[in-house]
Amino acid sequence: MQIYEGISSFRPLRKPIVTSGTFDGVHKGHQKILRSIREQADAVGGETVLITYWPHPRLVLYPDDHQLRLLSTFEEKAALLAKNGIDHLLTIPFTREFAQLSPEAYVQRILIDTIGTHKLVIGYDHRFGKDRAGSFAYLRENEARFGFALEEITREDIEDIGISSTKIRQALLRGDVQTAHDYLGAPYELNGIIIKGQQVGRSIGFPTANVHLPHDYKLVPGEGAYAVRIEVEGTEYDGMLNIGRRPTVNGINRSIEVNLFNFTGDLYDRRVRVRLLAFLREERKFDGLEALKEQLEKDRKHAKQLLERK
């Protein structure tokens, strides 16, 4: 898959089948759309194109709103789109100037002049252009003039799937990683870098590695303990992860700490990929480190049982 940052380096393609959107998480609903445009492109000897915007429009239009949490970073989303058959990922920098483009200018500049669109596949509620004035109805009215075919993803199609990025976010925030897994078609992931922590876990036989996420807009699931699989430089380990404030040791800031089973060595500054597979329990305060150690031993046993089934 080729990735383009802006339209300047993009050249019109042969019979491109195009779709557009945020595609946060690339869940099963998104995957259905991507399969469709892949099949259509193959049928006409064309290529697939996905238009997305980065930074996320909300980050630009509402810079003081720090509530936005996304299921996937740009790098994670790009990897998923490539896996699902996208040939060309056109990333348009979302700026206030771009937000002022009229629907007519958007269609002419992006879809016609830049891509040479053969067919556009978009959702029934897709909006584009200044004040979100562009719609499927607008495109349909001007289909002959624009010179490319249209396909609408209907409300029935979308609601029949019953999946949305919002539902997945809600599930993750309550620790329901199984529902998120079902909707995404894969375990939810956290990709980060290992940094040094307080090393309390090491003193009770459960050394943990602190996972630092490089982007603060990445959604972190609800606080608690999870059974996970961790990939470090191509090698995968079973383990358990805690998201929370570590009340037993008077922690204040929320941290993400992972304990790898059957691993010895130094993880500092290494990149890790953590897949959350099952929720173990909510975080709570224990009566000292010995009580915490006893619970962690139970957690490890429970996690190993769950991971064996996975």
C-alpha atoms as a PDB file:
ATOM      1  CA  MET A   1       0.000   0.000   0.000  1.00  0.00           C
ATOM      2  CA  GLN A   2       1.242   3.448  -0.886  1.00  0.00           C
ATOM      3  CA  ILE A   3       0.660   6.295   1.559  1.00  0.00           C
ATOM      4  CA  TYR A   4       0.414   9.900   0.378  1.00  0.00           C
ATOM      5  CA  GLU A   5       0.639  12.911   2.662  1.00  0.00           C
ATOM      6  CA  GLY A   6      -1.397  15.448   0.756  1.00  0.00           C
ATOM      7  CA  ILE A   7      -2.459  15.546  -2.872  1.00  0.00           C
ATOM      8  CA  SER A   8       0.712  16.973  -4.416  1.00  0.00           C
ATOM      9  CA  SER A   9       2.407  13.600  -4.979  1.00  0.00           C
ATOM     10  CA  PHE A  10      -0.747  11.710  -5.998  1.00  0.00           C
ATOM     11  CA  ARG A  11      -1.299  10.990  -9.699  1.00  0.00           C
ATOM     12  CA  PRO A  12      -4.608   9.923 -11.321  1.00  0.00           C
ATOM     13  CA  LEU A  13      -5.055   6.152 -11.413  1.00  0.00           C
ATOM     14  CA  ARG A  14      -6.650   3.674 -13.775  1.00  0.00           C
ATOM     15  CA  LYS A  15     -10.266   3.036 -12.718  1.00  0.00           C
ATOM     16  CA  PRO A  16      -9.849   3.828  -9.018  1.00  0.00           C
ATOM     17  CA  ILE A  17     -12.631   2.680  -6.698  1.00  0.00           C
ATOM     18  CA  VAL A  18     -12.674   5.233  -3.888  1.00  0.00           C
ATOM     19  CA  THR A  19     -14.085   5.520  -0.402  1.00  0.00           C
ATOM     20  CA  SER A  20     -13.595   8.146   2.277  1.00  0.00           C
ATOM     21  CA  GLY A  21     -13.821   8.441   6.039  1.00  0.00           C
ATOM     22  CA  THR A  22     -12.105   8.251   9.406  1.00  0.00           C
ATOM     23  CA  PHE A  23     -12.208   4.427   9.616  1.00  0.00           C
ATOM     24  CA  ASP A  24     -11.172   4.520  13.276  1.00  0.00           C
ATOM     25  CA  GLY A  25     -10.339   1.002  14.432  1.00  0.00           C
ATOM     26  CA  VAL A  26     -11.069  -0.528  11.001  1.00  0.00           C
ATOM     27  CA  HIS A  27     -13.787  -2.665  12.590  1.00  0.00           C
ATOM     28  CA  LYS A  28     -15.943  -5.330  10.906  1.00  0.00           C
ATOM     29  CA  GLY A  29     -18.318  -2.712   9.515  1.00  0.00           C
ATOM     30  CA  HIS A  30     -15.400  -0.942   7.859  1.00  0.00           C
ATOM     31  CA  GLN A  31     -14.021  -4.265   6.670  1.00  0.00           C
ATOM     32  CA  LYS A  32     -17.269  -4.996   4.832  1.00  0.00           C
ATOM     33  CA  ILE A  33     -16.881  -1.734   2.886  1.00  0.00           C
ATOM     34  CA  LEU A  34     -13.221  -2.440   2.151  1.00  0.00           C
ATOM     35  CA  ARG A  35     -14.011  -5.945   0.844  1.00  0.00           C
ATOM     36  CA  SER A  36     -16.635  -4.447  -1.451  1.00  0.00           C
ATOM     37  CA  ILE A  37     -14.357  -1.872  -3.029  1.00  0.00           C
ATOM     38  CA  ARG A  38     -11.572  -4.468  -3.343  1.00  0.00           C
ATOM     39  CA  GLU A  39     -13.914  -6.810  -5.235  1.00  0.00           C
ATOM     40  CA  GLN A  40     -15.164  -3.993  -7.457  1.00  0.00           C
ATOM     41  CA  ALA A  41     -11.638  -2.834  -8.265  1.00  0.00           C
ATOM     42  CA  ASP A  42     -10.580  -6.375  -9.165  1.00  0.00           C
ATOM     43  CA  ALA A  43     -13.643  -6.763 -11.404  1.00  0.00           C
ATOM     44  CA  VAL A  44     -12.726  -3.726 -13.551  1.00  0.00           C
ATOM     45  CA  GLY A  45      -8.952  -4.007 -13.357  1.00  0.00           C
ATOM     46  CA  GLY A  46      -8.748  -0.965 -11.114  1.00  0.00           C
ATOM     47  CA  GLU A  47      -7.192   0.024  -7.797  1.00  0.00           C
ATOM     48  CA  THR A  48      -8.583   0.881  -4.366  1.00  0.00           C
ATOM     49  CA  VAL A  49      -8.194   4.299  -2.775  1.00  0.00           C
ATOM     50  CA  LEU A  50      -9.147   5.425   0.720  1.00  0.00           C
ATOM     51  CA  ILE A  51      -9.230   9.125   1.567  1.00  0.00           C
ATOM     52  CA  THR A  52      -8.775  10.001   5.217  1.00  0.00           C
ATOM     53  CA  TYR A  53      -7.861  13.103   7.169  1.00  0.00           C
ATOM     54  CA  TRP A  54      -5.071  13.699   9.632  1.00  0.00           C
ATOM     55  CA  PRO A  55      -4.990  15.242  12.135  1.00  0.00           C
ATOM     56  CA  HIS A  56      -8.488  14.138  13.058  1.00  0.00           C
ATOM     57  CA  PRO A  57     -10.877  17.041  12.228  1.00  0.00           C
ATOM     58  CA  ARG A  58     -11.906  17.416  15.877  1.00  0.00           C
ATOM     59  CA  LEU A  59      -8.299  18.031  16.905  1.00  0.00           C
ATOM     60  CA  VAL A  60      -8.198  20.999  14.518  1.00  0.00           C
ATOM     61  CA  LEU A  61     -11.699  22.428  14.901  1.00  0.00           C
ATOM     62  CA  TYR A  62     -11.849  22.020  18.696  1.00  0.00           C
ATOM     63  CA  PRO A  63      -8.235  22.325  19.944  1.00  0.00           C
ATOM     64  CA  ASP A  64      -9.320  22.926  23.545  1.00  0.00           C
ATOM     65  CA  ASP A  65     -11.387  19.738  23.645  1.00  0.00           C
ATOM     66  CA  HIS A  66      -9.095  17.055  25.018  1.00  0.00           C
ATOM     67  CA  GLN A  67     -11.778  14.376  25.276  1.00  0.00           C
ATOM     68  CA  LEU A  68     -11.134  12.787  21.878  1.00  0.00           C
ATOM     69  CA  ARG A  69      -9.977   9.195  22.171  1.00  0.00           C
ATOM     70  CA  LEU A  70      -9.347   7.075  19.081  1.00  0.00           C
ATOM     71  CA  LEU A  71      -9.180   3.312  18.687  1.00  0.00           C
ATOM     72  CA  SER A  72      -6.203   3.469  16.383  1.00  0.00           C
ATOM     73  CA  THR A  73      -3.198   5.682  15.842  1.00  0.00           C
ATOM     74  CA  PHE A  74      -2.441   6.605  12.255  1.00  0.00           C
ATOM     75  CA  GLU A  75       0.242   3.911  12.047  1.00  0.00           C
ATOM     76  CA  GLU A  76      -2.113   1.249  13.418  1.00  0.00           C
ATOM     77  CA  LYS A  77      -4.882   2.282  11.048  1.00  0.00           C
ATOM     78  CA  ALA A  78      -2.577   2.266   8.037  1.00  0.00           C
ATOM     79  CA  ALA A  79      -1.433  -1.282   8.822  1.00  0.00           C
ATOM     80  CA  LEU A  80      -5.048  -2.472   9.097  1.00  0.00           C
ATOM     81  CA  LEU A  81      -6.072  -0.766   5.857  1.00  0.00           C
ATOM     82  CA  ALA A  82      -3.200  -2.403   3.994  1.00  0.00           C
ATOM     83  CA  LYS A  83      -4.223  -5.776   5.422  1.00  0.00           C
ATOM     84  CA  ASN A  84      -7.770  -5.188   4.162  1.00  0.00           C
ATOM     85  CA  GLY A  85      -6.890  -4.548   0.541  1.00  0.00           C
ATOM     86  CA  ILE A  86      -6.327  -0.804   0.172  1.00  0.00           C
ATOM     87  CA  ASP A  87      -3.793   0.028  -2.546  1.00  0.00           C
ATOM     88  CA  HIS A  88      -3.552   3.776  -1.984  1.00  0.00           C
ATOM     89  CA  LEU A  89      -4.074   5.662   1.286  1.00  0.00           C
ATOM     90  CA  LEU A  90      -4.456   9.378   0.594  1.00  0.00           C
ATOM     91  CA  THR A  91      -4.041  11.350   3.795  1.00  0.00           C
ATOM     92  CA  ILE A  92      -5.240  14.916   3.505  1.00  0.00           C
ATOM     93  CA  PRO A  93      -3.943  17.275   6.200  1.00  0.00           C
ATOM     94  CA  PHE A  94      -7.042  18.677   7.842  1.00  0.00           C
ATOM     95  CA  THR A  95      -6.641  22.422   8.309  1.00  0.00           C
ATOM     96  CA  ARG A  96      -9.050  25.288   8.838  1.00  0.00           C
ATOM     97  CA  GLU A  97      -8.318  26.339   5.256  1.00  0.00           C
ATOM     98  CA  PHE A  98      -9.220  22.880   3.952  1.00  0.00           C
ATOM     99  CA  ALA A  99     -12.436  22.967   6.005  1.00  0.00           C
ATOM    100  CA  GLN A 100     -13.526  25.995   3.948  1.00  0.00           C
ATOM    101  CA  LEU A 101     -13.502  24.109   0.624  1.00  0.00           C
ATOM    102  CA  SER A 102     -16.946  24.070  -0.956  1.00  0.00           C
ATOM    103  CA  PRO A 103     -18.399  20.671  -1.910  1.00  0.00           C
ATOM    104  CA  GLU A 104     -17.903  21.583  -5.580  1.00  0.00           C
ATOM    105  CA  ALA A 105     -14.237  22.455  -5.050  1.00  0.00           C
ATOM    106  CA  TYR A 106     -13.676  19.308  -2.994  1.00  0.00           C
ATOM    107  CA  VAL A 107     -15.096  17.059  -5.710  1.00  0.00           C
ATOM    108  CA  GLN A 108     -13.205  18.787  -8.497  1.00  0.00           C
ATOM    109  CA  ARG A 109      -9.852  19.098  -6.758  1.00  0.00           C
ATOM    110  CA  ILE A 110      -9.712  15.774  -4.866  1.00  0.00           C
ATOM    111  CA  LEU A 111     -11.963  13.246  -6.572  1.00  0.00           C
ATOM    112  CA  ILE A 112     -11.612  14.334 -10.196  1.00  0.00           C
ATOM    113  CA  ASP A 113      -8.308  16.172 -10.714  1.00  0.00           C
ATOM    114  CA  THR A 114      -6.184  14.310  -8.151  1.00  0.00           C
ATOM    115  CA  ILE A 115      -7.545  10.749  -8.192  1.00  0.00           C
ATOM    116  CA  GLY A 116      -9.495  10.448 -11.444  1.00  0.00           C
ATOM    117  CA  THR A 117     -12.256   8.617  -9.595  1.00  0.00           C
ATOM    118  CA  HIS A 118     -14.011   5.822 -11.477  1.00  0.00           C
ATOM    119  CA  LYS A 119     -16.490   5.070  -8.697  1.00  0.00           C
ATOM    120  CA  LEU A 120     -17.106   6.526  -5.240  1.00  0.00           C
ATOM    121  CA  VAL A 121     -18.528   4.360  -2.440  1.00  0.00           C
ATOM    122  CA  ILE A 122     -19.701   6.280   0.643  1.00  0.00           C
ATOM    123  CA  GLY A 123     -22.149   6.009   3.526  1.00  0.00           C
ATOM    124  CA  TYR A 124     -25.662   7.435   3.436  1.00  0.00           C
ATOM    125  CA  ASP A 125     -24.710  10.001   6.103  1.00  0.00           C
ATOM    126  CA  HIS A 126     -21.311  11.005   4.703  1.00  0.00           C
ATOM    127  CA  ARG A 127     -20.736  14.767   4.665  1.00  0.00           C
ATOM    128  CA  PHE A 128     -17.959  16.819   3.135  1.00  0.00           C
ATOM    129  CA  GLY A 129     -17.027  20.367   2.190  1.00  0.00           C
ATOM    130  CA  LYS A 130     -17.618  23.639   4.005  1.00  0.00           C
ATOM    131  CA  ASP A 131     -20.207  23.385   6.773  1.00  0.00           C
ATOM    132  CA  ARG A 132     -20.575  19.692   5.817  1.00  0.00           C
ATOM    133  CA  ALA A 133     -22.846  20.840   2.993  1.00  0.00           C
ATOM    134  CA  GLY A 134     -21.825  18.039   0.610  1.00  0.00           C
ATOM    135  CA  SER A 135     -23.856  14.822   0.760  1.00  0.00           C
ATOM    136  CA  PHE A 136     -24.705  11.712  -1.211  1.00  0.00           C
ATOM    137  CA  ALA A 137     -27.819  13.481  -2.508  1.00  0.00           C
ATOM    138  CA  TYR A 138     -25.652  16.324  -3.832  1.00  0.00           C
ATOM    139  CA  LEU A 139     -23.344  13.853  -5.567  1.00  0.00           C
ATOM    140  CA  ARG A 140     -26.276  11.957  -7.081  1.00  0.00           C
ATOM    141  CA  GLU A 141     -27.771  15.155  -8.489  1.00  0.00           C
ATOM    142  CA  ASN A 142     -24.468  15.926 -10.213  1.00  0.00           C
ATOM    143  CA  GLU A 143     -23.345  12.394 -11.099  1.00  0.00           C
ATOM    144  CA  ALA A 144     -23.450  12.872 -14.871  1.00  0.00           C
ATOM    145  CA  ARG A 145     -21.554  16.149 -14.679  1.00  0.00           C
ATOM    146  CA  PHE A 146     -18.873  14.803 -12.359  1.00  0.00           C
ATOM    147  CA  GLY A 147     -18.303  11.763 -14.552  1.00  0.00           C
ATOM    148  CA  PHE A 148     -17.890   9.004 -11.951  1.00  0.00           C
ATOM    149  CA  ALA A 149     -20.266   6.344 -10.669  1.00  0.00           C
ATOM    150  CA  LEU A 150     -21.727   6.353  -7.165  1.00  0.00           C
ATOM    151  CA  GLU A 151     -22.665   3.708  -4.645  1.00  0.00           C
ATOM    152  CA  GLU A 152     -24.405   4.433  -1.362  1.00  0.00           C
ATOM    153  CA  ILE A 153     -23.827   2.374   1.761  1.00  0.00           C
ATOM    154  CA  THR A 154     -27.366   2.490   3.085  1.00  0.00           C
ATOM    155  CA  ARG A 155     -28.554   2.969   6.646  1.00  0.00           C
ATOM    156  CA  GLU A 156     -29.880  -0.622   6.535  1.00  0.00           C
ATOM    157  CA  ASP A 157     -26.469  -1.967   5.523  1.00  0.00           C
ATOM    158  CA  ILE A 158     -24.737  -0.157   8.358  1.00  0.00           C
ATOM    159  CA  GLU A 159     -27.355  -0.880  11.025  1.00  0.00           C
ATOM    160  CA  ASP A 160     -27.583  -4.525   9.966  1.00  0.00           C
ATOM    161  CA  ILE A 161     -23.942  -4.907  10.974  1.00  0.00           C
ATOM    162  CA  GLY A 162     -24.704  -3.229  14.287  1.00  0.00           C
ATOM    163  CA  ILE A 163     -21.141  -2.115  14.764  1.00  0.00           C
ATOM    164  CA  SER A 164     -19.730   1.343  15.348  1.00  0.00           C
ATOM    165  CA  SER A 165     -16.497   2.827  16.652  1.00  0.00           C
ATOM    166  CA  THR A 166     -18.538   4.445  19.426  1.00  0.00           C
ATOM    167  CA  LYS A 167     -19.852   1.065  20.641  1.00  0.00           C
ATOM    168  CA  ILE A 168     -16.317  -0.301  20.689  1.00  0.00           C
ATOM    169  CA  ARG A 169     -15.031   2.667  22.686  1.00  0.00           C
ATOM    170  CA  GLN A 170     -17.829   2.235  25.218  1.00  0.00           C
ATOM    171  CA  ALA A 171     -17.066  -1.468  25.588  1.00  0.00           C
ATOM    172  CA  LEU A 172     -13.369  -0.837  26.161  1.00  0.00           C
ATOM    173  CA  LEU A 173     -13.979   1.878  28.742  1.00  0.00           C
ATOM    174  CA  ARG A 174     -15.930  -0.613  30.855  1.00  0.00           C
ATOM    175  CA  GLY A 175     -13.216  -3.260  30.402  1.00  0.00           C
ATOM    176  CA  ASP A 176     -15.249  -5.388  27.997  1.00  0.00           C
ATOM    177  CA  VAL A 177     -12.401  -6.401  25.714  1.00  0.00           C
ATOM    178  CA  GLN A 178     -14.312  -9.437  24.423  1.00  0.00           C
ATOM    179  CA  THR A 179     -17.036  -7.295  22.840  1.00  0.00           C
ATOM    180  CA  ALA A 180     -14.355  -5.051  21.371  1.00  0.00           C
ATOM    181  CA  HIS A 181     -12.614  -8.148  19.987  1.00  0.00           C
ATOM    182  CA  ASP A 182     -15.872  -9.377  18.441  1.00  0.00           C
ATOM    183  CA  TYR A 183     -16.531  -6.028  16.737  1.00  0.00           C
ATOM    184  CA  LEU A 184     -12.957  -5.421  15.618  1.00  0.00           C
ATOM    185  CA  GLY A 185     -12.362  -8.964  14.437  1.00  0.00           C
ATOM    186  CA  ALA A 186      -9.099  -8.959  16.432  1.00  0.00           C
ATOM    187  CA  PRO A 187      -7.920  -8.122  19.964  1.00  0.00           C
ATOM    188  CA  TYR A 188      -7.634  -4.461  20.881  1.00  0.00           C
ATOM    189  CA  GLU A 189      -4.010  -3.311  20.821  1.00  0.00           C
ATOM    190  CA  LEU A 190      -1.779  -0.904  22.675  1.00  0.00           C
ATOM    191  CA  ASN A 191       1.519  -0.110  20.951  1.00  0.00           C
ATOM    192  CA  GLY A 192       4.110   1.710  22.992  1.00  0.00           C
ATOM    193  CA  ILE A 193       7.604   1.982  24.399  1.00  0.00           C
ATOM    194  CA  ILE A 194       8.826   0.550  27.715  1.00  0.00           C
ATOM    195  CA  ILE A 195       9.939   3.167  30.241  1.00  0.00           C
ATOM    196  CA  LYS A 196      11.293   2.877  33.785  1.00  0.00           C
ATOM    197  CA  GLY A 197       8.770   2.769  36.645  1.00  0.00           C
ATOM    198  CA  GLN A 198       8.969   2.575  40.441  1.00  0.00           C
ATOM    199  CA  GLN A 199       9.998  -1.122  40.320  1.00  0.00           C
ATOM    200  CA  VAL A 200       7.683  -2.067  43.190  1.00  0.00           C
ATOM    201  CA  GLY A 201       6.574  -5.212  41.371  1.00  0.00           C
ATOM    202  CA  ARG A 202      10.149  -6.459  41.196  1.00  0.00           C
ATOM    203  CA  SER A 203      10.379  -6.430  44.998  1.00  0.00           C
ATOM    204  CA  ILE A 204       7.476  -8.906  45.334  1.00  0.00           C
ATOM    205  CA  GLY A 205       8.415 -11.215  42.472  1.00  0.00           C
ATOM    206  CA  PHE A 206       6.267  -9.631  39.768  1.00  0.00           C
ATOM    207  CA  PRO A 207       8.551  -7.358  37.738  1.00  0.00           C
ATOM    208  CA  THR A 208       6.497  -5.067  35.538  1.00  0.00           C
ATOM    209  CA  ALA A 209       7.321  -2.943  32.526  1.00  0.00           C
ATOM    210  CA  ASN A 210       5.677   0.449  32.164  1.00  0.00           C
ATOM    211  CA  VAL A 211       4.182   0.968  28.713  1.00  0.00           C
ATOM    212  CA  HIS A 212       4.304   4.550  27.453  1.00  0.00           C
ATOM    213  CA  LEU A 213       1.863   5.356  24.653  1.00  0.00           C
ATOM    214  CA  PRO A 214       3.322   7.984  22.309  1.00  0.00           C
ATOM    215  CA  HIS A 215      -0.054   9.543  21.460  1.00  0.00           C
ATOM    216  CA  ASP A 216      -2.381  10.823  24.179  1.00  0.00           C
ATOM    217  CA  TYR A 217      -5.438  10.516  21.910  1.00  0.00           C
ATOM    218  CA  LYS A 218      -5.161   6.711  21.908  1.00  0.00           C
ATOM    219  CA  LEU A 219      -7.999   5.176  23.925  1.00  0.00           C
ATOM    220  CA  VAL A 220      -6.855   3.296  27.030  1.00  0.00           C
ATOM    221  CA  PRO A 221      -9.374   0.710  28.325  1.00  0.00           C
ATOM    222  CA  GLY A 222     -10.984   0.893  31.756  1.00  0.00           C
ATOM    223  CA  GLU A 223      -8.887   0.449  34.871  1.00  0.00           C
ATOM    224  CA  GLY A 224      -8.251  -3.099  35.988  1.00  0.00           C
ATOM    225  CA  ALA A 225      -6.187  -6.229  35.334  1.00  0.00           C
ATOM    226  CA  TYR A 226      -6.157  -8.009  31.960  1.00  0.00           C
ATOM    227  CA  ALA A 227      -4.761 -11.184  30.423  1.00  0.00           C
ATOM    228  CA  VAL A 228      -2.627 -10.150  27.449  1.00  0.00           C
ATOM    229  CA  ARG A 229      -0.179 -11.258  24.801  1.00  0.00           C
ATOM    230  CA  ILE A 230       2.863  -9.051  24.336  1.00  0.00           C
ATOM    231  CA  GLU A 231       5.054  -8.933  21.253  1.00  0.00           C
ATOM    232  CA  VAL A 232       8.637  -7.759  21.739  1.00  0.00           C
ATOM    233  CA  GLU A 233      10.820  -7.553  18.629  1.00  0.00           C
ATOM    234  CA  GLY A 234       8.924 -10.335  16.895  1.00  0.00           C
ATOM    235  CA  THR A 235       8.683 -12.683  19.906  1.00  0.00           C
ATOM    236  CA  GLU A 236       5.351 -13.141  21.662  1.00  0.00           C
ATOM    237  CA  TYR A 237       4.854 -13.719  25.392  1.00  0.00           C
ATOM    238  CA  ASP A 238       1.815 -14.361  27.562  1.00  0.00           C
ATOM    239  CA  GLY A 239       1.330 -11.960  30.415  1.00  0.00           C
ATOM    240  CA  MET A 240      -0.972  -9.778  32.448  1.00  0.00           C
ATOM    241  CA  LEU A 241      -1.444  -6.053  32.411  1.00  0.00           C
ATOM    242  CA  ASN A 242      -2.691  -3.519  34.934  1.00  0.00           C
ATOM    243  CA  ILE A 243      -4.244  -0.207  33.992  1.00  0.00           C
ATOM    244  CA  GLY A 244      -4.749   2.100  36.934  1.00  0.00           C
ATOM    245  CA  ARG A 245      -3.331   4.256  39.698  1.00  0.00           C
ATOM    246  CA  ARG A 246      -1.786   1.526  41.924  1.00  0.00           C
ATOM    247  CA  PRO A 247      -3.650   2.501  45.125  1.00  0.00           C
ATOM    248  CA  THR A 248      -1.848  -0.104  47.253  1.00  0.00           C
ATOM    249  CA  VAL A 249       1.445   1.802  46.788  1.00  0.00           C
ATOM    250  CA  ASN A 250      -0.231   5.216  46.912  1.00  0.00           C
ATOM    251  CA  GLY A 251       0.048   5.820  43.201  1.00  0.00           C
ATOM    252  CA  ILE A 252      -1.417   9.022  41.801  1.00  0.00           C
ATOM    253  CA  ASN A 253      -1.020   9.030  38.046  1.00  0.00           C
ATOM    254  CA  ARG A 254      -2.558   6.325  35.920  1.00  0.00           C
ATOM    255  CA  SER A 255      -0.054   3.874  34.479  1.00  0.00           C
ATOM    256  CA  ILE A 256      -0.030   0.887  32.151  1.00  0.00           C
ATOM    257  CA  GLU A 257       2.131  -1.920  33.557  1.00  0.00           C
ATOM    258  CA  VAL A 258       2.693  -5.322  32.019  1.00  0.00           C
ATOM    259  CA  ASN A 259       4.146  -8.474  33.563  1.00  0.00           C
ATOM    260  CA  LEU A 260       5.537 -10.961  31.038  1.00  0.00           C
ATOM    261  CA  PHE A 261       5.426 -14.665  31.852  1.00  0.00           C
ATOM    262  CA  ASN A 262       8.605 -16.662  31.213  1.00  0.00           C
ATOM    263  CA  PHE A 263      10.710 -13.628  30.334  1.00  0.00           C
ATOM    264  CA  THR A 264      13.981 -12.448  31.795  1.00  0.00           C
ATOM    265  CA  GLY A 265      15.937  -9.465  30.596  1.00  0.00           C
ATOM    266  CA  ASP A 266      15.800  -5.734  30.094  1.00  0.00           C
ATOM    267  CA  LEU A 267      12.879  -4.223  28.188  1.00  0.00           C
ATOM    268  CA  TYR A 268      13.670  -0.538  28.603  1.00  0.00           C
ATOM    269  CA  ASP A 269      13.246   1.576  25.457  1.00  0.00           C
ATOM    270  CA  ARG A 270      11.946  -1.371  23.455  1.00  0.00           C
ATOM    271  CA  ARG A 271       8.755  -1.172  21.427  1.00  0.00           C
ATOM    272  CA  VAL A 272       5.991  -3.529  22.505  1.00  0.00           C
ATOM    273  CA  ARG A 273       2.659  -4.556  21.060  1.00  0.00           C
ATOM    274  CA  VAL A 274       0.091  -5.528  23.681  1.00  0.00           C
ATOM    275  CA  ARG A 275      -3.097  -7.413  22.733  1.00  0.00           C
ATOM    276  CA  LEU A 276      -5.795  -7.388  25.404  1.00  0.00           C
ATOM    277  CA  LEU A 277      -7.530 -10.770  25.458  1.00  0.00           C
ATOM    278  CA  ALA A 278      -9.532 -10.965  28.697  1.00  0.00           C
ATOM    279  CA  PHE A 279     -10.539  -8.871  31.696  1.00  0.00           C
ATOM    280  CA  LEU A 280      -9.406 -10.340  35.017  1.00  0.00           C
ATOM    281  CA  ARG A 281     -10.688  -7.982  37.724  1.00  0.00           C
ATOM    282  CA  GLU A 282     -11.148  -4.366  38.695  1.00  0.00           C
ATOM    283  CA  GLU A 283      -8.292  -2.486  40.323  1.00  0.00           C
ATOM    284  CA  ARG A 284      -8.540  -2.166  44.105  1.00  0.00           C
ATOM    285  CA  LYS A 285      -6.446  -1.289  47.121  1.00  0.00           C
ATOM    286  CA  PHE A 286      -4.947  -4.157  49.165  1.00  0.00           C
ATOM    287  CA  ASP A 287      -3.767  -4.240  52.774  1.00  0.00           C
ATOM    288  CA  GLY A 288      -0.066  -4.035  51.981  1.00  0.00           C
ATOM    289  CA  LEU A 289       2.353  -5.623  49.521  1.00  0.00           C
ATOM    290  CA  GLU A 290       1.919  -9.187  50.812  1.00  0.00           C
ATOM    291  CA  ALA A 291      -1.818  -9.094  50.106  1.00  0.00           C
ATOM    292  CA  LEU A 292      -1.100  -7.604  46.707  1.00  0.00           C
ATOM    293  CA  LYS A 293       1.394 -10.403  45.987  1.00  0.00           C
ATOM    294  CA  GLU A 294      -1.195 -13.053  46.885  1.00  0.00           C
ATOM    295  CA  GLN A 295      -3.702 -11.486  44.504  1.00  0.00           C
ATOM    296  CA  LEU A 296      -1.139 -11.232  41.700  1.00  0.00           C
ATOM    297  CA  GLU A 297      -0.405 -14.944  42.069  1.00  0.00           C
ATOM    298  CA  LYS A 298      -4.126 -15.645  41.646  1.00  0.00           C
ATOM    299  CA  ASP A 299      -4.251 -13.260  38.685  1.00  0.00           C
ATOM    300  CA  ARG A 300      -1.333 -14.998  36.998  1.00  0.00           C
ATOM    301  CA  LYS A 301      -2.922 -18.424  37.410  1.00  0.00           C
ATOM    302  CA  HIS A 302      -6.257 -17.129  36.076  1.00  0.00           C
ATOM    303  CA  ALA A 303      -4.574 -15.360  33.163  1.00  0.00           C
ATOM    304  CA  LYS A 304      -2.653 -18.482  32.153  1.00  0.00           C
ATOM    305  CA  GLN A 305      -5.882 -20.508  32.149  1.00  0.00           C
ATOM    306  CA  LEU A 306      -7.652 -17.939  29.962  1.00  0.00           C
ATOM    307  CA  LEU A 307      -4.716 -17.572  27.571  1.00  0.00           C
ATOM    308  CA  GLU A 308      -4.473 -21.335  27.102  1.00  0.00           C
ATOM    309  CA  ARG A 309      -8.084 -21.294  25.882  1.00  0.00           C
ATOM    310  CA  LYS A 310      -7.321 -18.425  23.488  1.00  0.00           C
END
